[in-house]
C-alpha atoms as a PDB file:
ATOM      1  CA  MET A   1      14.828  -7.725  11.178  1.00  0.00           C
ATOM      2  CA  GLU A   2      11.389  -7.170  12.582  1.00  0.00           C
ATOM      3  CA  ARG A   3       7.965  -8.113  11.356  1.00  0.00           C
ATOM      4  CA  THR A   4       4.776  -6.165  11.990  1.00  0.00           C
ATOM      5  CA  LEU A   5       1.103  -6.382  11.079  1.00  0.00           C
ATOM      6  CA  VAL A   6      -0.394  -3.762   8.782  1.00  0.00           C
ATOM      7  CA  LEU A   7      -4.096  -3.703   7.988  1.00  0.00           C
ATOM      8  CA  LEU A   8      -5.419  -1.640   5.114  1.00  0.00           C
ATOM      9  CA  LYS A   9      -8.865  -0.926   6.516  1.00  0.00           C
ATOM     10  CA  PRO A  10     -12.204  -0.930   4.676  1.00  0.00           C
ATOM     11  CA  ASP A  11     -12.019   2.792   3.876  1.00  0.00           C
ATOM     12  CA  CYS A  12      -8.608   2.258   2.220  1.00  0.00           C
ATOM     13  CA  VAL A  13      -9.983  -0.596   0.099  1.00  0.00           C
ATOM     14  CA  GLN A  14     -13.142   1.348  -0.758  1.00  0.00           C
ATOM     15  CA  ARG A  15     -11.140   4.410  -1.829  1.00  0.00           C
ATOM     16  CA  ARG A  16      -8.850   2.205  -3.939  1.00  0.00           C
ATOM     17  CA  LEU A  17      -5.699   3.367  -2.140  1.00  0.00           C
ATOM     18  CA  MET A  18      -4.299  -0.106  -1.512  1.00  0.00           C
ATOM     19  CA  GLY A  19      -1.637   0.047  -4.210  1.00  0.00           C
ATOM     20  CA  ARG A  20      -0.459   3.518  -3.222  1.00  0.00           C
ATOM     21  CA  LEU A  21      -0.067   2.498   0.422  1.00  0.00           C
ATOM     22  CA  LEU A  22       1.590  -0.810  -0.437  1.00  0.00           C
ATOM     23  CA  ALA A  23       4.046   1.070  -2.656  1.00  0.00           C
ATOM     24  CA  ARG A  24       5.091   3.275   0.282  1.00  0.00           C
ATOM     25  CA  PHE A  25       6.217   0.240   2.287  1.00  0.00           C
ATOM     26  CA  GLU A  26       7.975  -1.270  -0.712  1.00  0.00           C
ATOM     27  CA  ASP A  27       9.578   2.069  -1.619  1.00  0.00           C
ATOM     28  CA  LYS A  28      10.957   2.198   1.924  1.00  0.00           C
ATOM     29  CA  GLY A  29      12.650  -1.152   1.234  1.00  0.00           C
ATOM     30  CA  TYR A  30      10.426  -3.338   3.356  1.00  0.00           C
ATOM     31  CA  THR A  31       9.365  -6.836   2.368  1.00  0.00           C
ATOM     32  CA  ILE A  32       5.735  -7.910   2.232  1.00  0.00           C
ATOM     33  CA  ALA A  33       6.121 -11.359   3.827  1.00  0.00           C
ATOM     34  CA  ALA A  34       2.382 -12.139   3.650  1.00  0.00           C
ATOM     35  CA  MET A  35      -0.692 -10.459   2.253  1.00  0.00           C
ATOM     36  CA  LYS A  36      -4.347 -11.331   1.847  1.00  0.00           C
ATOM     37  CA  LEU A  37      -7.625  -9.655   1.003  1.00  0.00           C
ATOM     38  CA  MET A  38     -10.227 -10.728   3.523  1.00  0.00           C
ATOM     39  CA  ARG A  39     -13.252  -9.811   5.559  1.00  0.00           C
ATOM     40  CA  VAL A  40     -13.007  -9.362   9.321  1.00  0.00           C
ATOM     41  CA  THR A  41     -15.730 -11.237  11.167  1.00  0.00           C
ATOM     42  CA  PRO A  42     -17.146  -9.905  14.446  1.00  0.00           C
ATOM     43  CA  GLU A  43     -15.274 -12.722  16.245  1.00  0.00           C
ATOM     44  CA  LEU A  44     -11.981 -11.793  14.592  1.00  0.00           C
ATOM     45  CA  ALA A  45     -12.565  -8.113  15.411  1.00  0.00           C
ATOM     46  CA  LYS A  46     -13.079  -8.997  19.075  1.00  0.00           C
ATOM     47  CA  ARG A  47      -9.768 -10.924  19.118  1.00  0.00           C
ATOM     48  CA  HIS A  48      -7.864  -8.171  17.361  1.00  0.00           C
ATOM     49  CA  TYR A  49      -9.337  -5.328  19.418  1.00  0.00           C
ATOM     50  CA  ALA A  50      -9.607  -7.314  22.678  1.00  0.00           C
ATOM     51  CA  GLU A  51      -8.411  -4.382  24.820  1.00  0.00           C
ATOM     52  CA  HIS A  52     -11.226  -2.174  23.455  1.00  0.00           C
ATOM     53  CA  VAL A  53     -14.194  -4.575  23.516  1.00  0.00           C
ATOM     54  CA  HIS A  54     -15.661  -3.132  26.743  1.00  0.00           C
ATOM     55  CA  LYS A  55     -15.322   0.511  25.739  1.00  0.00           C
ATOM     56  CA  ASP A  56     -18.428   2.509  24.820  1.00  0.00           C
ATOM     57  CA  TRP A  57     -17.219   3.178  21.270  1.00  0.00           C
ATOM     58  CA  TYR A  58     -16.308  -0.430  20.460  1.00  0.00           C
ATOM     59  CA  PRO A  59     -19.575  -1.303  18.624  1.00  0.00           C
ATOM     60  CA  GLU A  60     -18.894   1.503  16.126  1.00  0.00           C
ATOM     61  CA  LEU A  61     -15.306   0.282  15.665  1.00  0.00           C
ATOM     62  CA  GLU A  62     -16.475  -3.291  15.077  1.00  0.00           C
ATOM     63  CA  ALA A  63     -19.119  -2.146  12.578  1.00  0.00           C
ATOM     64  CA  PHE A  64     -16.457  -0.212  10.688  1.00  0.00           C
ATOM     65  CA  ILE A  65     -13.781  -2.933  10.540  1.00  0.00           C
ATOM     66  CA  THR A  66     -16.332  -5.620   9.567  1.00  0.00           C
ATOM     67  CA  GLY A  67     -18.100  -3.323   7.078  1.00  0.00           C
ATOM     68  CA  GLY A  68     -15.968  -4.205   4.064  1.00  0.00           C
ATOM     69  CA  PRO A  69     -12.894  -6.082   2.950  1.00  0.00           C
ATOM     70  CA  ILE A  70      -9.430  -5.343   4.326  1.00  0.00           C
ATOM     71  CA  VAL A  71      -5.907  -6.202   3.234  1.00  0.00           C
ATOM     72  CA  ALA A  72      -3.811  -7.832   5.961  1.00  0.00           C
ATOM     73  CA  MET A  73      -0.038  -7.719   5.520  1.00  0.00           C
ATOM     74  CA  ALA A  74       3.037  -8.919   7.368  1.00  0.00           C
ATOM     75  CA  VAL A  75       5.644  -6.237   6.724  1.00  0.00           C
ATOM     76  CA  GLU A  76       9.264  -7.052   7.423  1.00  0.00           C
ATOM     77  CA  GLY A  77      12.483  -5.060   7.679  1.00  0.00           C
ATOM     78  CA  PRO A  78      14.866  -3.208   9.997  1.00  0.00           C
ATOM     79  CA  GLU A  79      12.988  -1.639  12.932  1.00  0.00           C
ATOM     80  CA  ALA A  80       9.771  -2.296  11.020  1.00  0.00           C
ATOM     81  CA  ILE A  81       7.447  -1.757  13.989  1.00  0.00           C
ATOM     82  CA  ARG A  82       8.698   1.755  14.801  1.00  0.00           C
ATOM     83  CA  VAL A  83       9.301   2.864  11.214  1.00  0.00           C
ATOM     84  CA  VAL A  84       5.933   1.628   9.926  1.00  0.00           C
ATOM     85  CA  ARG A  85       4.170   3.418  12.807  1.00  0.00           C
ATOM     86  CA  GLU A  86       5.993   6.618  11.877  1.00  0.00           C
ATOM     87  CA  MET A  87       5.084   6.159   8.218  1.00  0.00           C
ATOM     88  CA  VAL A  88       1.409   5.668   9.176  1.00  0.00           C
ATOM     89  CA  GLY A  89       1.212   8.775  11.387  1.00  0.00           C
ATOM     90  CA  VAL A  90      -0.928   9.578  14.407  1.00  0.00           C
ATOM     91  CA  THR A  91      -4.403   8.056  14.680  1.00  0.00           C
ATOM     92  CA  ASN A  92      -6.366  11.209  13.871  1.00  0.00           C
ATOM     93  CA  GLY A  93      -5.876  12.022  10.214  1.00  0.00           C
ATOM     94  CA  LEU A  94      -6.522  15.713  10.898  1.00  0.00           C
ATOM     95  CA  LYS A  95      -3.535  15.794  13.252  1.00  0.00           C
ATOM     96  CA  ALA A  96      -1.213  13.527  11.276  1.00  0.00           C
ATOM     97  CA  ALA A  97       1.847  15.141   9.742  1.00  0.00           C
ATOM     98  CA  PRO A  98       2.013  15.681   5.991  1.00  0.00           C
ATOM     99  CA  GLY A  99       4.093  12.941   4.400  1.00  0.00           C
ATOM    100  CA  THR A 100       2.573  10.258   6.605  1.00  0.00           C
ATOM    101  CA  ILE A 101      -0.111   7.971   5.218  1.00  0.00           C
ATOM    102  CA  ARG A 102      -2.816   9.398   7.432  1.00  0.00           C
ATOM    103  CA  GLY A 103      -1.542  12.952   6.984  1.00  0.00           C
ATOM    104  CA  ASP A 104      -1.735  12.611   3.213  1.00  0.00           C
ATOM    105  CA  PHE A 105      -4.949  10.599   2.840  1.00  0.00           C
ATOM    106  CA  SER A 106      -7.132  10.700   5.996  1.00  0.00           C
ATOM    107  CA  THR A 107      -9.364  13.309   7.594  1.00  0.00           C
ATOM    108  CA  SER A 108     -10.859  11.137  10.327  1.00  0.00           C
ATOM    109  CA  GLN A 109     -10.051   9.565  13.694  1.00  0.00           C
ATOM    110  CA  GLN A 110     -11.753   6.248  12.896  1.00  0.00           C
ATOM    111  CA  GLN A 111     -11.622   6.110   9.104  1.00  0.00           C
ATOM    112  CA  ASN A 112      -7.862   6.445   9.167  1.00  0.00           C
ATOM    113  CA  LEU A 113      -7.050   3.909   6.434  1.00  0.00           C
ATOM    114  CA  VAL A 114      -4.507   1.703   8.171  1.00  0.00           C
ATOM    115  CA  HIS A 115      -3.603  -0.156  11.339  1.00  0.00           C
ATOM    116  CA  ALA A 116      -0.035  -0.946  12.360  1.00  0.00           C
ATOM    117  CA  SER A 117       1.081  -2.890  15.445  1.00  0.00           C
ATOM    118  CA  ASP A 118       2.356  -0.631  18.217  1.00  0.00           C
ATOM    119  CA  GLY A 119       5.094  -2.832  19.705  1.00  0.00           C
ATOM    120  CA  PRO A 120       6.853  -6.204  19.523  1.00  0.00           C
ATOM    121  CA  GLU A 121       4.339  -8.004  21.753  1.00  0.00           C
ATOM    122  CA  SER A 122       1.288  -6.693  19.905  1.00  0.00           C
ATOM    123  CA  ALA A 123       2.968  -7.414  16.544  1.00  0.00           C
ATOM    124  CA  ARG A 124       3.448 -11.084  17.496  1.00  0.00           C
ATOM    125  CA  ARG A 125      -0.091 -11.367  18.868  1.00  0.00           C
ATOM    126  CA  GLU A 126      -1.727  -9.605  15.921  1.00  0.00           C
ATOM    127  CA  LEU A 127       0.258 -11.450  13.236  1.00  0.00           C
ATOM    128  CA  ALA A 128      -0.851 -14.752  14.800  1.00  0.00           C
ATOM    129  CA  ILE A 129      -4.495 -13.614  14.599  1.00  0.00           C
ATOM    130  CA  PHE A 130      -4.320 -12.896  10.859  1.00  0.00           C
ATOM    131  CA  PHE A 131      -1.704 -15.359   9.570  1.00  0.00           C
ATOM    132  CA  THR A 132      -0.531 -18.899  10.206  1.00  0.00           C
ATOM    133  CA  ASP A 133       3.223 -19.497  10.196  1.00  0.00           C
ATOM    134  CA  ALA A 134       2.830 -21.289   6.854  1.00  0.00           C
ATOM    135  CA  GLU A 135       1.278 -18.172   5.260  1.00  0.00           C
ATOM    136  CA  ILE A 136       4.290 -15.971   6.045  1.00  0.00           C
ATOM    137  CA  VAL A 137       7.166 -16.164   3.589  1.00  0.00           C
ATOM    138  CA  GLY A 138      10.532 -15.089   4.836  1.00  0.00           C
END
C-alpha cells in the first residue's frame, strides 16, 4: 500500500468539481485516509513549492494556489503514487489524454485542477506539510 497527496486546487473548488474528482479515486478503489478543506497561506505555498520559489513564474503560482480554498487529501492504495499521477494526466490540460482528470476537465497549464505527488519522497514530504500523523486514518 502507498499513500500520496492530492490537492484539489482553487479552480477545482470554484468550478464545483470536487465530488466528481473524489469519486474517480473512490471508484478506482482507493481509500481517502485524510481530507480537509483549507486555504493555503503564502508560507505554506513556499513550503509545498520549495523547488519553484526562485523561478520567475513562482509569484503567479503562489497567487493562484492561495487565491481560494483547496481540498487536501491523503489517498491510499496499491501503487497509489503512480496510478493517481496517471489518473490526473499531464500538467497541461490541453495535452492531457481524454479519460484523465485534466484531459476531461482542464484547458490550462496552471489552472489544471489537481496536484498529485510525483514520487515516494515527495509524497512523504508533501503529506507531512498538509497533515499531521493524527489526521491520517489508516
